[in-house]
């Protein structure tokens, strides 16, 4: 009796859910293995350029702070 209750969900799973699951799984694997699209590559390059620009600004700000307030780093560590 208990086995009869499990047969219908198992059959539905095998006919409907499992094939969809497998198709979506292997489609996502293929997309990952193909690498970056042109749009993603351009976005990555833009982010790299912004990070480099921000790095330069941080170095400039630290140089200004070092010149105007040499102890600013130690003051910040104590807080």
N, C-alpha and C. Protein backbone atom coordinates (compact mmCIF):
# COMPACT_ATOMS: atom_id res chain seq x y z
N UNK A 1 0.82 -1.19 0.00
CA UNK A 1 0.00 0.00 0.00
C UNK A 1 0.86 1.26 0.00
N UNK A 2 1.92 1.29 0.84
CA UNK A 2 2.80 2.45 0.88
C UNK A 2 3.55 2.61 -0.43
N UNK A 3 3.89 1.52 -1.04
CA UNK A 3 4.63 1.58 -2.30
C UNK A 3 3.75 2.15 -3.42
N UNK A 4 2.45 1.85 -3.39
CA UNK A 4 1.53 2.37 -4.40
C UNK A 4 1.44 3.89 -4.35
N UNK A 5 1.57 4.47 -3.16
CA UNK A 5 1.51 5.91 -3.01
C UNK A 5 2.76 6.60 -3.57
N UNK A 6 3.88 5.90 -3.59
CA UNK A 6 5.13 6.47 -4.09
C UNK A 6 5.30 6.35 -5.59
N UNK A 7 4.61 5.43 -6.21
CA UNK A 7 4.81 5.17 -7.63
C UNK A 7 4.40 6.38 -8.48
N UNK A 8 3.27 6.98 -8.22
CA UNK A 8 2.80 8.12 -9.02
C UNK A 8 3.76 9.31 -8.94
N UNK A 9 4.20 9.76 -7.75
CA UNK A 9 5.16 10.87 -7.72
C UNK A 9 6.49 10.54 -8.39
N UNK A 10 6.92 9.29 -8.27
CA UNK A 10 8.19 8.90 -8.91
C UNK A 10 8.04 8.96 -10.43
N UNK A 11 6.93 8.47 -10.95
CA UNK A 11 6.71 8.49 -12.41
C UNK A 11 6.62 9.94 -12.89
N UNK A 12 5.89 10.79 -12.19
CA UNK A 12 5.78 12.21 -12.57
C UNK A 12 7.15 12.87 -12.55
N UNK A 13 7.94 12.57 -11.53
CA UNK A 13 9.28 13.13 -11.44
C UNK A 13 10.13 12.69 -12.63
N UNK A 14 10.10 11.40 -12.95
CA UNK A 14 10.94 10.87 -14.03
C UNK A 14 10.51 11.40 -15.41
N UNK A 15 9.23 11.64 -15.59
CA UNK A 15 8.74 12.07 -16.90
C UNK A 15 8.82 13.58 -17.08
N UNK A 16 8.55 14.35 -16.02
CA UNK A 16 8.45 15.80 -16.16
C UNK A 16 9.67 16.52 -15.58
N UNK A 17 9.93 16.29 -14.31
CA UNK A 17 10.93 17.09 -13.60
C UNK A 17 12.36 16.73 -14.02
N UNK A 18 12.70 15.48 -14.06
CA UNK A 18 14.08 15.06 -14.34
C UNK A 18 14.59 15.56 -15.70
N UNK A 19 13.82 15.41 -16.80
CA UNK A 19 14.34 15.91 -18.08
C UNK A 19 14.56 17.43 -18.09
N UNK A 20 13.61 18.18 -17.50
CA UNK A 20 13.78 19.64 -17.44
C UNK A 20 15.01 19.99 -16.61
N UNK A 21 15.17 19.30 -15.51
CA UNK A 21 16.31 19.53 -14.63
C UNK A 21 17.62 19.25 -15.37
N UNK A 22 17.70 18.16 -16.08
CA UNK A 22 18.91 17.82 -16.82
C UNK A 22 19.21 18.84 -17.93
N UNK A 23 18.19 19.25 -18.67
CA UNK A 23 18.39 20.23 -19.74
C UNK A 23 18.91 21.54 -19.16
N UNK A 24 18.29 22.03 -18.10
CA UNK A 24 18.74 23.28 -17.51
C UNK A 24 20.13 23.16 -16.91
N UNK A 25 20.44 22.02 -16.32
CA UNK A 25 21.76 21.81 -15.73
C UNK A 25 22.86 21.87 -16.79
N UNK A 26 22.68 21.12 -17.87
CA UNK A 26 23.73 21.08 -18.89
C UNK A 26 23.79 22.37 -19.71
N UNK A 27 22.67 23.08 -19.84
CA UNK A 27 22.70 24.38 -20.51
C UNK A 27 23.54 25.37 -19.70
N UNK A 28 23.36 25.37 -18.37
CA UNK A 28 24.15 26.29 -17.54
C UNK A 28 25.62 25.89 -17.54
N UNK A 29 25.92 24.59 -17.58
CA UNK A 29 27.32 24.14 -17.66
C UNK A 29 27.97 24.62 -18.96
N UNK A 30 27.22 24.56 -20.06
CA UNK A 30 27.76 24.99 -21.36
C UNK A 30 28.03 26.49 -21.36
N UNK A 31 27.12 27.27 -20.76
CA UNK A 31 27.31 28.72 -20.72
C UNK A 31 28.53 29.08 -19.88
N UNK A 32 28.76 28.38 -18.80
CA UNK A 32 29.93 28.66 -17.95
C UNK A 32 31.21 28.31 -18.69
N UNK A 33 31.20 27.21 -19.43
CA UNK A 33 32.42 26.79 -20.12
C UNK A 33 32.75 27.67 -21.33
N UNK A 34 31.76 28.40 -21.86
CA UNK A 34 32.01 29.25 -23.02
C UNK A 34 32.77 30.52 -22.66
N UNK A 35 32.78 30.90 -21.41
CA UNK A 35 33.52 32.08 -20.99
C UNK A 35 32.65 33.33 -21.03
N UNK A 36 33.33 34.47 -21.05
CA UNK A 36 32.64 35.76 -21.00
C UNK A 36 32.10 36.16 -22.37
N UNK A 37 30.93 36.79 -22.36
CA UNK A 37 30.42 37.37 -23.60
C UNK A 37 31.14 38.70 -23.83
N UNK A 38 30.95 39.28 -25.00
CA UNK A 38 31.58 40.57 -25.31
C UNK A 38 31.11 41.65 -24.33
N UNK A 39 29.81 41.62 -24.01
CA UNK A 39 29.28 42.62 -23.08
C UNK A 39 29.88 42.46 -21.69
N UNK A 40 29.99 41.22 -21.23
CA UNK A 40 30.59 40.97 -19.92
C UNK A 40 32.06 41.36 -19.91
N UNK A 41 32.75 41.10 -21.01
CA UNK A 41 34.17 41.47 -21.10
C UNK A 41 34.33 42.98 -21.06
N UNK A 42 33.45 43.71 -21.74
CA UNK A 42 33.50 45.17 -21.71
C UNK A 42 33.19 45.71 -20.32
N UNK A 43 32.21 45.11 -19.65
CA UNK A 43 31.88 45.52 -18.28
C UNK A 43 33.07 45.28 -17.36
N UNK A 44 33.73 44.15 -17.52
CA UNK A 44 34.90 43.84 -16.71
C UNK A 44 36.01 44.85 -16.94
N UNK A 45 36.25 45.22 -18.18
CA UNK A 45 37.28 46.22 -18.48
C UNK A 45 36.91 47.58 -17.91
N UNK A 46 35.62 47.94 -17.95
CA UNK A 46 35.18 49.20 -17.35
C UNK A 46 35.41 49.19 -15.84
N UNK A 47 35.11 48.08 -15.20
CA UNK A 47 35.32 47.98 -13.76
C UNK A 47 36.81 48.06 -13.40
N UNK A 48 37.64 47.46 -14.23
CA UNK A 48 39.09 47.53 -13.99
C UNK A 48 39.57 48.96 -14.11
N UNK A 49 39.09 49.68 -15.13
CA UNK A 49 39.47 51.08 -15.31
C UNK A 49 39.01 51.94 -14.12
N UNK A 50 37.78 51.70 -13.65
CA UNK A 50 37.28 52.45 -12.50
C UNK A 50 38.08 52.13 -11.24
N UNK A 51 38.46 50.87 -11.06
CA UNK A 51 39.25 50.49 -9.89
C UNK A 51 40.63 51.14 -9.94
N UNK A 52 41.25 51.19 -11.11
CA UNK A 52 42.55 51.85 -11.25
C UNK A 52 42.44 53.34 -10.94
N UNK A 53 41.37 53.97 -11.43
CA UNK A 53 41.15 55.39 -11.18
C UNK A 53 40.94 55.64 -9.68
N UNK A 54 40.17 54.78 -9.04
CA UNK A 54 39.92 54.91 -7.60
C UNK A 54 41.21 54.69 -6.81
N UNK A 55 42.03 53.76 -7.25
CA UNK A 55 43.31 53.51 -6.59
C UNK A 55 44.20 54.75 -6.66
N UNK A 56 44.23 55.40 -7.80
CA UNK A 56 45.01 56.63 -7.93
C UNK A 56 44.48 57.73 -7.02
N UNK A 57 43.18 57.84 -6.93
CA UNK A 57 42.59 58.85 -6.04
C UNK A 57 42.92 58.57 -4.57
N UNK A 58 42.88 57.31 -4.19
CA UNK A 58 43.20 56.95 -2.81
C UNK A 58 44.65 57.29 -2.49
N UNK A 59 45.55 56.97 -3.41
CA UNK A 59 46.97 57.31 -3.19
C UNK A 59 47.17 58.82 -3.09
N UNK A 60 46.47 59.59 -3.93
CA UNK A 60 46.56 61.04 -3.86
C UNK A 60 46.03 61.56 -2.53
N UNK A 61 44.90 61.05 -2.10
CA UNK A 61 44.32 61.46 -0.82
C UNK A 61 45.25 61.12 0.35
N UNK A 62 45.85 59.93 0.31
CA UNK A 62 46.77 59.55 1.38
C UNK A 62 48.00 60.45 1.37
N UNK A 63 48.49 60.83 0.20
CA UNK A 63 49.65 61.72 0.12
C UNK A 63 49.31 63.08 0.70
N UNK A 64 48.11 63.60 0.40
CA UNK A 64 47.69 64.89 0.95
C UNK A 64 47.58 64.80 2.47
N UNK A 65 46.96 63.74 2.96
CA UNK A 65 46.82 63.58 4.40
C UNK A 65 48.18 63.41 5.08
N UNK A 66 49.10 62.68 4.45
CA UNK A 66 50.45 62.52 5.01
C UNK A 66 51.15 63.87 5.12
N UNK A 67 50.95 64.75 4.12
CA UNK A 67 51.60 66.05 4.13
C UNK A 67 50.97 66.99 5.16
N UNK A 68 49.65 66.96 5.27
CA UNK A 68 48.96 67.89 6.17
C UNK A 68 48.87 67.39 7.60
N UNK A 69 48.74 66.10 7.80
CA UNK A 69 48.59 65.54 9.13
C UNK A 69 49.31 64.20 9.19
N UNK A 70 50.62 64.22 9.47
CA UNK A 70 51.42 63.00 9.41
C UNK A 70 50.94 61.88 10.35
N UNK A 71 50.26 62.23 11.43
CA UNK A 71 49.82 61.21 12.39
C UNK A 71 48.42 60.68 12.11
N UNK A 72 47.84 60.97 10.97
CA UNK A 72 46.46 60.57 10.72
C UNK A 72 46.27 59.06 10.74
N UNK A 73 47.29 58.33 10.35
CA UNK A 73 47.16 56.85 10.34
C UNK A 73 47.13 56.31 11.77
N UNK A 74 47.98 56.82 12.63
CA UNK A 74 48.02 56.32 14.01
C UNK A 74 46.79 56.77 14.78
N UNK A 75 46.28 57.96 14.49
CA UNK A 75 45.05 58.43 15.14
C UNK A 75 43.88 57.54 14.80
N UNK A 76 43.83 57.12 13.57
CA UNK A 76 42.72 56.27 13.12
C UNK A 76 42.81 54.89 13.76
N UNK A 77 44.00 54.37 13.97
CA UNK A 77 44.16 53.04 14.57
C UNK A 77 43.74 53.03 16.02
N UNK A 78 43.89 54.13 16.74
CA UNK A 78 43.52 54.18 18.15
C UNK A 78 42.02 54.20 18.35
N UNK A 79 41.28 54.66 17.39
CA UNK A 79 39.82 54.82 17.55
C UNK A 79 39.13 53.51 17.46
